Amino acid sequence: MTTKEEKERIELLQGTLDLLILRTLLLGPEHGHAIAKAIEFNSDDVLQVEQGSLYPALHRLIKRGWISFEEGTSENNRRAKFYRLTAKGRKQLTLETGKWDKLAGAIARILRPAKQGGKS
């Protein structure tokens, strides 16, 4: 990856990563590397998921009961944990998506306030 591309990528905040993992697993079970690659691909490589952030997040989500895992074999014929969204995780995804929408709307209103009486 070039230096310019590195500067254009964005590191994720902890809560945001949890939300993106839950959303990714809504599509079906995946192993850790595939989760990271799916987030990167679906963000057009803007969002970068580092192993040092991904695996602690996965463990945190397991502890909360939002995801579970099963041992399996990856497409590279390697042992891997395949993470799956639980029913509790589906409910949490709905809650977290609502919180994100509210937060993003509030930030947008601050960054781009509506013109009032011809003033900006």
PDB file of N, CA and C in Angstrom:
ATOM      1  N   MET A   1       0.854  -1.186   0.000  1.00  0.00           N
ATOM      2  CA  MET A   1       0.000   0.000   0.000  1.00  0.00           C
ATOM      3  C   MET A   1       0.891   1.237   0.000  1.00  0.00           C
ATOM      4  N   THR A   2       0.516   2.227  -0.773  1.00  0.00           N
ATOM      5  CA  THR A   2       1.327   3.440  -0.863  1.00  0.00           C
ATOM      6  C   THR A   2       1.088   4.342   0.340  1.00  0.00           C
ATOM      7  N   THR A   3       1.989   5.298   0.521  1.00  0.00           N
ATOM      8  CA  THR A   3       1.867   6.249   1.629  1.00  0.00           C
ATOM      9  C   THR A   3       0.580   7.057   1.525  1.00  0.00           C
ATOM     10  N   LYS A   4       0.227   7.499   0.314  1.00  0.00           N
ATOM     11  CA  LYS A   4      -0.996   8.267   0.123  1.00  0.00           C
ATOM     12  C   LYS A   4      -2.212   7.450   0.563  1.00  0.00           C
ATOM     13  N   GLU A   5      -2.255   6.181   0.174  1.00  0.00           N
ATOM     14  CA  GLU A   5      -3.371   5.319   0.570  1.00  0.00           C
ATOM     15  C   GLU A   5      -3.421   5.154   2.085  1.00  0.00           C
ATOM     16  N   GLU A   6      -2.258   5.042   2.722  1.00  0.00           N
ATOM     17  CA  GLU A   6      -2.234   4.895   4.176  1.00  0.00           C
ATOM     18  C   GLU A   6      -2.839   6.114   4.853  1.00  0.00           C
ATOM     19  N   LYS A   7      -2.566   7.304   4.339  1.00  0.00           N
ATOM     20  CA  LYS A   7      -3.088   8.528   4.938  1.00  0.00           C
ATOM     21  C   LYS A   7      -4.599   8.640   4.760  1.00  0.00           C
ATOM     22  N   GLU A   8      -5.140   8.038   3.696  1.00  0.00           N
ATOM     23  CA  GLU A   8      -6.568   8.145   3.420  1.00  0.00           C
ATOM     24  C   GLU A   8      -7.388   7.139   4.219  1.00  0.00           C
ATOM     25  N   ARG A   9      -6.746   6.155   4.805  1.00  0.00           N
ATOM     26  CA  ARG A   9      -7.471   5.151   5.586  1.00  0.00           C
ATOM     27  C   ARG A   9      -7.743   5.700   6.977  1.00  0.00           C
ATOM     28  N   ILE A  10      -8.797   5.210   7.573  1.00  0.00           N
ATOM     29  CA  ILE A  10      -9.242   5.720   8.867  1.00  0.00           C
ATOM     30  C   ILE A  10      -9.257   4.584   9.883  1.00  0.00           C
ATOM     31  N   GLU A  11      -8.662   4.809  11.048  1.00  0.00           N
ATOM     32  CA  GLU A  11      -8.749   3.825  12.114  1.00  0.00           C
ATOM     33  C   GLU A  11     -10.089   3.983  12.811  1.00  0.00           C
ATOM     34  N   LEU A  12     -10.636   2.867  13.278  1.00  0.00           N
ATOM     35  CA  LEU A  12     -11.974   2.859  13.841  1.00  0.00           C
ATOM     36  C   LEU A  12     -11.980   3.056  15.351  1.00  0.00           C
ATOM     37  N   LEU A  13     -13.000   3.721  15.835  1.00  0.00           N
ATOM     38  CA  LEU A  13     -13.234   3.815  17.266  1.00  0.00           C
ATOM     39  C   LEU A  13     -13.805   2.493  17.759  1.00  0.00           C
ATOM     40  N   GLN A  14     -13.571   2.164  19.010  1.00  0.00           N
ATOM     41  CA  GLN A  14     -13.969   0.878  19.566  1.00  0.00           C
ATOM     42  C   GLN A  14     -15.450   0.567  19.331  1.00  0.00           C
ATOM     43  N   GLY A  15     -16.350   1.425  19.701  1.00  0.00           N
ATOM     44  CA  GLY A  15     -17.778   1.167  19.551  1.00  0.00           C
ATOM     45  C   GLY A  15     -18.188   1.027  18.094  1.00  0.00           C
ATOM     46  N   THR A  16     -17.524   1.762  17.232  1.00  0.00           N
ATOM     47  CA  THR A  16     -17.817   1.687  15.804  1.00  0.00           C
ATOM     48  C   THR A  16     -17.404   0.331  15.255  1.00  0.00           C
ATOM     49  N   LEU A  17     -16.271  -0.156  15.684  1.00  0.00           N
ATOM     50  CA  LEU A  17     -15.808  -1.465  15.228  1.00  0.00           C
ATOM     51  C   LEU A  17     -16.789  -2.545  15.662  1.00  0.00           C
ATOM     52  N   ASP A  18     -17.273  -2.478  16.892  1.00  0.00           N
ATOM     53  CA  ASP A  18     -18.257  -3.457  17.364  1.00  0.00           C
ATOM     54  C   ASP A  18     -19.474  -3.469  16.447  1.00  0.00           C
ATOM     55  N   LEU A  19     -19.980  -2.292  16.116  1.00  0.00           N
ATOM     56  CA  LEU A  19     -21.141  -2.160  15.242  1.00  0.00           C
ATOM     57  C   LEU A  19     -20.853  -2.765  13.868  1.00  0.00           C
ATOM     58  N   LEU A  20     -19.691  -2.484  13.307  1.00  0.00           N
ATOM     59  CA  LEU A  20     -19.345  -2.987  11.981  1.00  0.00           C
ATOM     60  C   LEU A  20     -19.159  -4.504  11.978  1.00  0.00           C
ATOM     61  N   ILE A  21     -18.628  -5.046  13.053  1.00  0.00           N
ATOM     62  CA  ILE A  21     -18.498  -6.507  13.159  1.00  0.00           C
ATOM     63  C   ILE A  21     -19.882  -7.142  13.206  1.00  0.00           C
ATOM     64  N   LEU A  22     -20.764  -6.597  14.043  1.00  0.00           N
ATOM     65  CA  LEU A  22     -22.112  -7.141  14.134  1.00  0.00           C
ATOM     66  C   LEU A  22     -22.807  -7.089  12.773  1.00  0.00           C
ATOM     67  N   ARG A  23     -22.671  -5.967  12.079  1.00  0.00           N
ATOM     68  CA  ARG A  23     -23.318  -5.812  10.769  1.00  0.00           C
ATOM     69  C   ARG A  23     -22.732  -6.792   9.758  1.00  0.00           C
ATOM     70  N   THR A  24     -21.433  -6.989   9.791  1.00  0.00           N
ATOM     71  CA  THR A  24     -20.787  -7.932   8.877  1.00  0.00           C
ATOM     72  C   THR A  24     -21.280  -9.353   9.128  1.00  0.00           C
ATOM     73  N   LEU A  25     -21.430  -9.728  10.392  1.00  0.00           N
ATOM     74  CA  LEU A  25     -21.858 -11.085  10.727  1.00  0.00           C
ATOM     75  C   LEU A  25     -23.346 -11.310  10.477  1.00  0.00           C
ATOM     76  N   LEU A  26     -24.088 -10.239  10.235  1.00  0.00           N
ATOM     77  CA  LEU A  26     -25.499 -10.382   9.870  1.00  0.00           C
ATOM     78  C   LEU A  26     -25.621 -11.176   8.568  1.00  0.00           C
ATOM     79  N   LEU A  27     -24.609 -11.103   7.730  1.00  0.00           N
ATOM     80  CA  LEU A  27     -24.609 -11.790   6.442  1.00  0.00           C
ATOM     81  C   LEU A  27     -24.272 -13.270   6.569  1.00  0.00           C
ATOM     82  N   GLY A  28     -23.746 -13.689   7.720  1.00  0.00           N
ATOM     83  CA  GLY A  28     -23.409 -15.090   7.941  1.00  0.00           C
ATOM     84  C   GLY A  28     -22.091 -15.228   8.678  1.00  0.00           C
ATOM     85  N   PRO A  29     -21.784 -16.436   9.153  1.00  0.00           N
ATOM     86  CA  PRO A  29     -20.551 -16.671   9.916  1.00  0.00           C
ATOM     87  C   PRO A  29     -19.300 -16.390   9.095  1.00  0.00           C
ATOM     88  N   GLU A  30     -18.277 -15.850   9.755  1.00  0.00           N
ATOM     89  CA  GLU A  30     -16.999 -15.570   9.109  1.00  0.00           C
ATOM     90  C   GLU A  30     -15.875 -15.726  10.119  1.00  0.00           C
ATOM     91  N   HIS A  31     -14.681 -15.985   9.622  1.00  0.00           N
ATOM     92  CA  HIS A  31     -13.499 -15.996  10.493  1.00  0.00           C
ATOM     93  C   HIS A  31     -12.956 -14.572  10.573  1.00  0.00           C
ATOM     94  N   GLY A  32     -12.087 -14.326  11.535  1.00  0.00           N
ATOM     95  CA  GLY A  32     -11.615 -12.974  11.826  1.00  0.00           C
ATOM     96  C   GLY A  32     -11.045 -12.238  10.633  1.00  0.00           C
ATOM     97  N   HIS A  33     -10.155 -12.877   9.903  1.00  0.00           N
ATOM     98  CA  HIS A  33      -9.522 -12.209   8.767  1.00  0.00           C
ATOM     99  C   HIS A  33     -10.571 -11.804   7.726  1.00  0.00           C
ATOM    100  N   ALA A  34     -11.549 -12.667   7.494  1.00  0.00           N
ATOM    101  CA  ALA A  34     -12.603 -12.364   6.515  1.00  0.00           C
ATOM    102  C   ALA A  34     -13.477 -11.205   6.990  1.00  0.00           C
ATOM    103  N   ILE A  35     -13.705 -11.097   8.301  1.00  0.00           N
ATOM    104  CA  ILE A  35     -14.477  -9.973   8.849  1.00  0.00           C
ATOM    105  C   ILE A  35     -13.742  -8.670   8.551  1.00  0.00           C
ATOM    106  N   ALA A  36     -12.453  -8.646   8.862  1.00  0.00           N
ATOM    107  CA  ALA A  36     -11.650  -7.436   8.619  1.00  0.00           C
ATOM    108  C   ALA A  36     -11.660  -7.071   7.146  1.00  0.00           C
ATOM    109  N   LYS A  37     -11.468  -8.043   6.281  1.00  0.00           N
ATOM    110  CA  LYS A  37     -11.430  -7.787   4.840  1.00  0.00           C
ATOM    111  C   LYS A  37     -12.792  -7.318   4.330  1.00  0.00           C
ATOM    112  N   ALA A  38     -13.880  -7.862   4.864  1.00  0.00           N
ATOM    113  CA  ALA A  38     -15.221  -7.439   4.441  1.00  0.00           C
ATOM    114  C   ALA A  38     -15.469  -5.976   4.812  1.00  0.00           C
ATOM    115  N   ILE A  39     -15.053  -5.583   6.011  1.00  0.00           N
ATOM    116  CA  ILE A  39     -15.225  -4.189   6.439  1.00  0.00           C
ATOM    117  C   ILE A  39     -14.389  -3.270   5.535  1.00  0.00           C
ATOM    118  N   GLU A  40     -13.167  -3.648   5.276  1.00  0.00           N
ATOM    119  CA  GLU A  40     -12.309  -2.847   4.407  1.00  0.00           C
ATOM    120  C   GLU A  40     -12.887  -2.762   2.990  1.00  0.00           C
ATOM    121  N   PHE A  41     -13.321  -3.890   2.447  1.00  0.00           N
ATOM    122  CA  PHE A  41     -13.861  -3.921   1.088  1.00  0.00           C
ATOM    123  C   PHE A  41     -15.144  -3.085   0.984  1.00  0.00           C
ATOM    124  N   ASN A  42     -16.053  -3.277   1.940  1.00  0.00           N
ATOM    125  CA  ASN A  42     -17.345  -2.579   1.886  1.00  0.00           C
ATOM    126  C   ASN A  42     -17.234  -1.083   2.151  1.00  0.00           C
ATOM    127  N   SER A  43     -16.104  -0.654   2.695  1.00  0.00           N
ATOM    128  CA  SER A  43     -15.870   0.783   2.892  1.00  0.00           C
ATOM    129  C   SER A  43     -14.986   1.345   1.779  1.00  0.00           C
ATOM    130  N   ASP A  44     -14.817   0.600   0.697  1.00  0.00           N
ATOM    131  CA  ASP A  44     -13.916   0.987  -0.392  1.00  0.00           C
ATOM    132  C   ASP A  44     -12.507   1.239   0.124  1.00  0.00           C
ATOM    133  N   ASP A  45     -12.071   0.421   1.057  1.00  0.00           N
ATOM    134  CA  ASP A  45     -10.733   0.475   1.656  1.00  0.00           C
ATOM    135  C   ASP A  45     -10.461   1.763   2.426  1.00  0.00           C
ATOM    136  N   VAL A  46     -11.495   2.440   2.863  1.00  0.00           N
ATOM    137  CA  VAL A  46     -11.305   3.630   3.699  1.00  0.00           C
ATOM    138  C   VAL A  46     -11.093   3.209   5.149  1.00  0.00           C
ATOM    139  N   LEU A  47     -11.856   2.237   5.611  1.00  0.00           N
ATOM    140  CA  LEU A  47     -11.750   1.772   6.996  1.00  0.00           C
ATOM    141  C   LEU A  47     -10.771   0.611   7.077  1.00  0.00           C
ATOM    142  N   GLN A  48      -9.837   0.728   7.988  1.00  0.00           N
ATOM    143  CA  GLN A  48      -8.795  -0.280   8.166  1.00  0.00           C
ATOM    144  C   GLN A  48      -8.996  -0.951   9.513  1.00  0.00           C
ATOM    145  N   VAL A  49      -9.014  -2.277   9.530  1.00  0.00           N
ATOM    146  CA  VAL A  49      -9.196  -3.027  10.763  1.00  0.00           C
ATOM    147  C   VAL A  49      -7.907  -3.767  11.071  1.00  0.00           C
ATOM    148  N   GLU A  50      -7.245  -3.368  12.132  1.00  0.00           N
ATOM    149  CA  GLU A  50      -5.993  -4.002  12.543  1.00  0.00           C
ATOM    150  C   GLU A  50      -6.287  -5.194  13.452  1.00  0.00           C
ATOM    151  N   GLN A  51      -5.448  -6.225  13.380  1.00  0.00           N
ATOM    152  CA  GLN A  51      -5.628  -7.405  14.237  1.00  0.00           C
ATOM    153  C   GLN A  51      -5.645  -7.027  15.710  1.00  0.00           C
ATOM    154  N   GLY A  52      -4.835  -6.037  16.073  1.00  0.00           N
ATOM    155  CA  GLY A  52      -4.752  -5.604  17.462  1.00  0.00           C
ATOM    156  C   GLY A  52      -6.046  -4.983  17.974  1.00  0.00           C
ATOM    157  N   SER A  53      -6.922  -4.577  17.075  1.00  0.00           N
ATOM    158  CA  SER A  53      -8.239  -4.061  17.444  1.00  0.00           C
ATOM    159  C   SER A  53      -9.321  -5.112  17.232  1.00  0.00           C
ATOM    160  N   LEU A  54      -9.195  -5.885  16.152  1.00  0.00           N
ATOM    161  CA  LEU A  54     -10.236  -6.840  15.783  1.00  0.00           C
ATOM    162  C   LEU A  54     -10.430  -7.924  16.833  1.00  0.00           C
ATOM    163  N   TYR A  55      -9.363  -8.602  17.225  1.00  0.00           N
ATOM    164  CA  TYR A  55      -9.520  -9.759  18.100  1.00  0.00           C
ATOM    165  C   TYR A  55      -9.973  -9.380  19.515  1.00  0.00           C
ATOM    166  N   PRO A  56      -9.496  -8.283  20.098  1.00  0.00           N
ATOM    167  CA  PRO A  56     -10.086  -7.855  21.379  1.00  0.00           C
ATOM    168  C   PRO A  56     -11.581  -7.527  21.239  1.00  0.00           C
ATOM    169  N   ALA A  57     -11.968  -6.939  20.104  1.00  0.00           N
ATOM    170  CA  ALA A  57     -13.385  -6.633  19.875  1.00  0.00           C
ATOM    171  C   ALA A  57     -14.191  -7.927  19.778  1.00  0.00           C
ATOM    172  N   LEU A  58     -13.684  -8.918  19.057  1.00  0.00           N
ATOM    173  CA  LEU A  58     -14.391 -10.192  18.948  1.00  0.00           C
ATOM    174  C   LEU A  58     -14.558 -10.842  20.320  1.00  0.00           C
ATOM    175  N   HIS A  59     -13.513 -10.810  21.141  1.00  0.00           N
ATOM    176  CA  HIS A  59     -13.594 -11.384  22.491  1.00  0.00           C
ATOM    177  C   HIS A  59     -14.607 -10.620  23.342  1.00  0.00           C
ATOM    178  N   ARG A  60     -14.631  -9.317  23.209  1.00  0.00           N
ATOM    179  CA  ARG A  60     -15.588  -8.475  23.944  1.00  0.00           C
ATOM    180  C   ARG A  60     -17.026  -8.821  23.537  1.00  0.00           C
ATOM    181  N   LEU A  61     -17.248  -9.012  22.248  1.00  0.00           N
ATOM    182  CA  LEU A  61     -18.589  -9.336  21.759  1.00  0.00           C
ATOM    183  C   LEU A  61     -19.027 -10.735  22.195  1.00  0.00           C
ATOM    184  N   ILE A  62     -18.091 -11.658  22.269  1.00  0.00           N
ATOM    185  CA  ILE A  62     -18.395 -13.003  22.780  1.00  0.00           C
ATOM    186  C   ILE A  62     -18.795 -12.910  24.249  1.00  0.00           C
ATOM    187  N   LYS A  63     -18.013 -12.166  25.018  1.00  0.00           N
ATOM    188  CA  LYS A  63     -18.276 -12.013  26.453  1.00  0.00           C
ATOM    189  C   LYS A  63     -19.664 -11.417  26.702  1.00  0.00           C
ATOM    190  N   ARG A  64     -20.096 -10.502  25.842  1.00  0.00           N
ATOM    191  CA  ARG A  64     -21.411  -9.872  25.975  1.00  0.00           C
ATOM    192  C   ARG A  64     -22.539 -10.760  25.460  1.00  0.00           C
ATOM    193  N   GLY A  65     -22.173 -11.854  24.792  1.00  0.00           N
ATOM    194  CA  GLY A  65     -23.179 -12.770  24.268  1.00  0.00           C
ATOM    195  C   GLY A  65     -23.771 -12.324  22.943  1.00  0.00           C
ATOM    196  N   TRP A  66     -23.125 -11.379  22.276  1.00  0.00           N
ATOM    197  CA  TRP A  66     -23.626 -10.851  21.010  1.00  0.00           C
ATOM    198  C   TRP A  66     -23.185 -11.699  19.825  1.00  0.00           C
ATOM    199  N   ILE A  67     -22.070 -12.420  19.990  1.00  0.00           N
ATOM    200  CA  ILE A  67     -21.611 -13.351  18.961  1.00  0.00           C
ATOM    201  C   ILE A  67     -21.159 -14.636  19.646  1.00  0.00           C
ATOM    202  N   SER A  68     -21.092 -15.710  18.875  1.00  0.00           N
ATOM    203  CA  SER A  68     -20.525 -16.970  19.339  1.00  0.00           C
ATOM    204  C   SER A  68     -19.538 -17.434  18.270  1.00  0.00           C
ATOM    205  N   PHE A  69     -18.875 -18.543  18.521  1.00  0.00           N
ATOM    206  CA  PHE A  69     -17.941 -19.042  17.506  1.00  0.00           C
ATOM    207  C   PHE A  69     -17.913 -20.555  17.509  1.00  0.00           C
ATOM    208  N   GLU A  70     -17.469 -21.085  16.376  1.00  0.00           N
ATOM    209  CA  GLU A  70     -17.227 -22.519  16.221  1.00  0.00           C
ATOM    210  C   GLU A  70     -15.870 -22.681  15.553  1.00  0.00           C
ATOM    211  N   GLU A  71     -15.187 -23.757  15.915  1.00  0.00           N
ATOM    212  CA  GLU A  71     -13.915 -24.074  15.256  1.00  0.00           C
ATOM    213  C   GLU A  71     -14.215 -24.631  13.877  1.00  0.00           C
ATOM    214  N   GLY A  72     -13.378 -24.309  12.916  1.00  0.00           N
ATOM    215  CA  GLY A  72     -13.567 -24.822  11.566  1.00  0.00           C
ATOM    216  C   GLY A  72     -12.297 -24.700  10.764  1.00  0.00           C
ATOM    217  N   THR A  73     -12.428 -24.873   9.454  1.00  0.00           N
ATOM    218  CA  THR A  73     -11.291 -24.791   8.545  1.00  0.00           C
ATOM    219  C   THR A  73     -11.558 -23.667   7.548  1.00  0.00           C
ATOM    220  N   SER A  74     -10.586 -22.777   7.407  1.00  0.00           N
ATOM    221  CA  SER A  74     -10.722 -21.636   6.494  1.00  0.00           C
ATOM    222  C   SER A  74     -10.538 -22.090   5.055  1.00  0.00           C
ATOM    223  N   GLU A  75     -10.759 -21.155   4.124  1.00  0.00           N
ATOM    224  CA  GLU A  75     -10.569 -21.458   2.702  1.00  0.00           C
ATOM    225  C   GLU A  75      -9.110 -21.798   2.387  1.00  0.00           C
ATOM    226  N   ASN A  76      -8.177 -21.412   3.273  1.00  0.00           N
ATOM    227  CA  ASN A  76      -6.749 -21.741   3.103  1.00  0.00           C
ATOM    228  C   ASN A  76      -6.409 -23.078   3.758  1.00  0.00           C
ATOM    229  N   ASN A  77      -7.430 -23.800   4.195  1.00  0.00           N
ATOM    230  CA  ASN A  77      -7.254 -25.098   4.857  1.00  0.00           C
ATOM    231  C   ASN A  77      -6.528 -24.968   6.192  1.00  0.00           C
ATOM    232  N   ARG A  78      -6.760 -23.839   6.876  1.00  0.00           N
ATOM    233  CA  ARG A  78      -6.177 -23.609   8.200  1.00  0.00           C
ATOM    234  C   ARG A  78      -7.277 -23.643   9.242  1.00  0.00           C
ATOM    235  N   ARG A  79      -6.890 -24.024  10.456  1.00  0.00           N
ATOM    236  CA  ARG A  79      -7.858 -23.977  11.560  1.00  0.00           C
ATOM    237  C   ARG A  79      -8.230 -22.528  11.822  1.00  0.00           C
ATOM    238  N   ALA A  80      -9.510 -22.277  12.072  1.00  0.00           N
ATOM    239  CA  ALA A  80      -9.975 -20.918  12.316  1.00  0.00           C
ATOM    240  C   ALA A  80     -11.235 -20.960  13.175  1.00  0.00           C
ATOM    241  N   LYS A  81     -11.482 -19.852  13.847  1.00  0.00           N
ATOM    242  CA  LYS A  81     -12.736 -19.676  14.568  1.00  0.00           C
ATOM    243  C   LYS A  81     -13.684 -18.940  13.637  1.00  0.00           C
ATOM    244  N   PHE A  82     -14.885 -19.463  13.490  1.00  0.00           N
ATOM    245  CA  PHE A  82     -15.913 -18.814  12.686  1.00  0.00           C
ATOM    246  C   PHE A  82     -16.920 -18.185  13.638  1.00  0.00           C
ATOM    247  N   TYR A  83     -17.030 -16.875  13.547  1.00  0.00           N
ATOM    248  CA  TYR A  83     -17.881 -16.105  14.443  1.00  0.00           C
ATOM    249  C   TYR A  83     -19.273 -15.968  13.839  1.00  0.00           C
ATOM    250  N   ARG A  84     -20.280 -16.015  14.712  1.00  0.00           N
ATOM    251  CA  ARG A  84     -21.671 -15.982  14.285  1.00  0.00           C
ATOM    252  C   ARG A  84     -22.446 -15.018  15.189  1.00  0.00           C
ATOM    253  N   LEU A  85     -23.353 -14.276  14.601  1.00  0.00           N
ATOM    254  CA  LEU A  85     -24.219 -13.362  15.336  1.00  0.00           C
ATOM    255  C   LEU A  85     -25.251 -14.179  16.116  1.00  0.00           C
ATOM    256  N   THR A  86     -25.462 -13.840  17.391  1.00  0.00           N
ATOM    257  CA  THR A  86     -26.483 -14.509  18.192  1.00  0.00           C
ATOM    258  C   THR A  86     -27.788 -13.706  18.126  1.00  0.00           C
ATOM    259  N   ALA A  87     -28.868 -14.270  18.664  1.00  0.00           N
ATOM    260  CA  ALA A  87     -30.144 -13.542  18.710  1.00  0.00           C
ATOM    261  C   ALA A  87     -29.976 -12.252  19.511  1.00  0.00           C
ATOM    262  N   LYS A  88     -29.240 -12.343  20.612  1.00  0.00           N
ATOM    263  CA  LYS A  88     -28.963 -11.145  21.423  1.00  0.00           C
ATOM    264  C   LYS A  88     -28.158 -10.125  20.609  1.00  0.00           C
ATOM    265  N   GLY A  89     -27.246 -10.605  19.792  1.00  0.00           N
ATOM    266  CA  GLY A  89     -26.437  -9.736  18.937  1.00  0.00           C
ATOM    267  C   GLY A  89     -27.274  -9.044  17.871  1.00  0.00           C
ATOM    268  N   ARG A  90     -28.271  -9.741  17.334  1.00  0.00           N
ATOM    269  CA  ARG A  90     -29.165  -9.132  16.341  1.00  0.00           C
ATOM    270  C   ARG A  90     -29.942  -7.973  16.962  1.00  0.00           C
ATOM    271  N   LYS A  91     -30.425  -8.188  18.174  1.00  0.00           N
ATOM    272  CA  LYS A  91     -31.141  -7.109  18.872  1.00  0.00           C
ATOM    273  C   LYS A  91     -30.207  -5.940  19.136  1.00  0.00           C
ATOM    274  N   GLN A  92     -28.982  -6.243  19.556  1.00  0.00           N
ATOM    275  CA  GLN A  92     -28.007  -5.200  19.846  1.00  0.00           C
ATOM    276  C   GLN A  92     -27.632  -4.437  18.584  1.00  0.00           C
ATOM    277  N   LEU A  93     -27.533  -5.134  17.458  1.00  0.00           N
ATOM    278  CA  LEU A  93     -27.231  -4.482  16.186  1.00  0.00           C
ATOM    279  C   LEU A  93     -28.296  -3.435  15.864  1.00  0.00           C
ATOM    280  N   THR A  94     -29.554  -3.765  16.088  1.00  0.00           N
ATOM    281  CA  THR A  94     -30.637  -2.809  15.852  1.00  0.00           C
ATOM    282  C   THR A  94     -30.491  -1.599  16.767  1.00  0.00           C
ATOM    283  N   LEU A  95     -30.210  -1.839  18.052  1.00  0.00           N
ATOM    284  CA  LEU A  95     -30.021  -0.735  19.007  1.00  0.00           C
ATOM    285  C   LEU A  95     -28.825   0.126  18.629  1.00  0.00           C
ATOM    286  N   GLU A  96     -27.704  -0.507  18.327  1.00  0.00           N
ATOM    287  CA  GLU A  96     -26.475   0.224  18.013  1.00  0.00           C
ATOM    288  C   GLU A  96     -26.613   1.012  16.711  1.00  0.00           C
ATOM    289  N   THR A  97     -27.334   0.462  15.738  1.00  0.00           N
ATOM    290  CA  THR A  97     -27.555   1.175  14.482  1.00  0.00           C
ATOM    291  C   THR A  97     -28.367   2.441  14.744  1.00  0.00           C
ATOM    292  N   GLY A  98     -29.382   2.348  15.599  1.00  0.00           N
ATOM    293  CA  GLY A  98     -30.177   3.522  15.968  1.00  0.00           C
ATOM    294  C   GLY A  98     -29.332   4.578  16.667  1.00  0.00           C
ATOM    295  N   LYS A  99     -28.454   4.141  17.568  1.00  0.00           N
ATOM    296  CA  LYS A  99     -27.559   5.079  18.264  1.00  0.00           C
ATOM    297  C   LYS A  99     -26.621   5.756  17.265  1.00  0.00           C
ATOM    298  N   TRP A 100     -26.086   4.961  16.334  1.00  0.00           N
ATOM    299  CA  TRP A 100     -25.168   5.510  15.335  1.00  0.00           C
ATOM    300  C   TRP A 100     -25.870   6.554  14.469  1.00  0.00           C
ATOM    301  N   ASP A 101     -27.088   6.230  14.020  1.00  0.00           N
ATOM    302  CA  ASP A 101     -27.844   7.175  13.192  1.00  0.00           C
ATOM    303  C   ASP A 101     -28.080   8.484  13.932  1.00  0.00           C
ATOM    304  N   LYS A 102     -28.402   8.376  15.213  1.00  0.00           N
ATOM    305  CA  LYS A 102     -28.644   9.578  16.032  1.00  0.00           C
ATOM    306  C   LYS A 102     -27.357  10.391  16.180  1.00  0.00           C
ATOM    307  N   LEU A 103     -26.245   9.727  16.469  1.00  0.00           N
ATOM    308  CA  LEU A 103     -24.956  10.389  16.620  1.00  0.00           C
ATOM    309  C   LEU A 103     -24.521  11.043  15.311  1.00  0.00           C
ATOM    310  N   ALA A 104     -24.617  10.308  14.202  1.00  0.00           N
ATOM    311  CA  ALA A 104     -24.207  10.849  12.907  1.00  0.00           C
ATOM    312  C   ALA A 104     -25.055  12.064  12.529  1.00  0.00           C
ATOM    313  N   GLY A 105     -26.344  12.019  12.831  1.00  0.00           N
ATOM    314  CA  GLY A 105     -27.216  13.160  12.554  1.00  0.00           C
ATOM    315  C   GLY A 105     -26.833  14.375  13.365  1.00  0.00           C
ATOM    316  N   ALA A 106     -26.526  14.158  14.649  1.00  0.00           N
ATOM    317  CA  ALA A 106     -26.128  15.262  15.520  1.00  0.00           C
ATOM    318  C   ALA A 106     -24.823  15.893  15.054  1.00  0.00           C
ATOM    319  N   ILE A 107     -23.859  15.070  14.683  1.00  0.00           N
ATOM    320  CA  ILE A 107     -22.577  15.581  14.200  1.00  0.00           C
ATOM    321  C   ILE A 107     -22.783  16.348  12.895  1.00  0.00           C
ATOM    322  N   ALA A 108     -23.616  15.809  11.998  1.00  0.00           N
ATOM    323  CA  ALA A 108     -23.881  16.490  10.730  1.00  0.00           C
ATOM    324  C   ALA A 108     -24.519  17.857  10.961  1.00  0.00           C
ATOM    325  N   ARG A 109     -25.411  17.964  11.944  1.00  0.00           N
ATOM    326  CA  ARG A 109     -26.049  19.254  12.231  1.00  0.00           C
ATOM    327  C   ARG A 109     -25.034  20.272  12.744  1.00  0.00           C
ATOM    328  N   ILE A 110     -24.022  19.816  13.457  1.00  0.00           N
ATOM    329  CA  ILE A 110     -22.991  20.725  13.959  1.00  0.00           C
ATOM    330  C   ILE A 110     -22.041  21.128  12.829  1.00  0.00           C
ATOM    331  N   LEU A 111     -21.639  20.157  12.014  1.00  0.00           N
ATOM    332  CA  LEU A 111     -20.687  20.442  10.934  1.00  0.00           C
ATOM    333  C   LEU A 111     -21.309  21.243   9.801  1.00  0.00           C
ATOM    334  N   ARG A 112     -22.580  21.030   9.549  1.00  0.00           N
ATOM    335  CA  ARG A 112     -23.263  21.713   8.446  1.00  0.00           C
ATOM    336  C   ARG A 112     -24.587  22.278   8.936  1.00  0.00           C
ATOM    337  N   PRO A 113     -24.518  23.321   9.773  1.00  0.00           N
ATOM    338  CA  PRO A 113     -25.757  23.874  10.316  1.00  0.00           C
ATOM    339  C   PRO A 113     -26.644  24.442   9.212  1.00  0.00           C
ATOM    340  N   ALA A 114     -27.950  24.314   9.410  1.00  0.00           N
ATOM    341  CA  ALA A 114     -28.916  24.856   8.433  1.00  0.00           C
ATOM    342  C   ALA A 114     -28.841  26.363   8.463  1.00  0.00           C
ATOM    343  N   LYS A 115     -29.024  26.957   7.307  1.00  0.00           N
ATOM    344  CA  LYS A 115     -29.020  28.429   7.232  1.00  0.00           C
ATOM    345  C   LYS A 115     -30.285  28.941   7.909  1.00  0.00           C
ATOM    346  N   GLN A 116     -30.108  29.938   8.755  1.00  0.00           N
ATOM    347  CA  GLN A 116     -31.251  30.527   9.474  1.00  0.00           C
ATOM    348  C   GLN A 116     -31.384  31.984   9.073  1.00  0.00           C
ATOM    349  N   GLY A 117     -32.521  32.320   8.471  1.00  0.00           N
ATOM    350  CA  GLY A 117     -32.765  33.720   8.100  1.00  0.00           C
ATOM    351  C   GLY A 117     -31.728  34.274   7.146  1.00  0.00           C
ATOM    352  N   GLY A 118     -31.217  33.436   6.235  1.00  0.00           N
ATOM    353  CA  GLY A 118     -30.246  33.921   5.262  1.00  0.00           C
ATOM    354  C   GLY A 118     -28.820  33.930   5.797  1.00  0.00           C
ATOM    355  N   LYS A 119     -28.616  33.593   7.076  1.00  0.00           N
ATOM    356  CA  LYS A 119     -27.264  33.545   7.649  1.00  0.00           C
ATOM    357  C   LYS A 119     -26.778  32.096   7.656  1.00  0.00           C
ATOM    358  N   SER A 120     -25.493  31.917   7.651  1.00  0.00           N
ATOM    359  CA  SER A 120     -24.968  30.567   7.736  1.00  0.00           C
ATOM    360  C   SER A 120     -24.046  30.430   8.913  1.00  0.00           C
TER     361      SER A 120
END
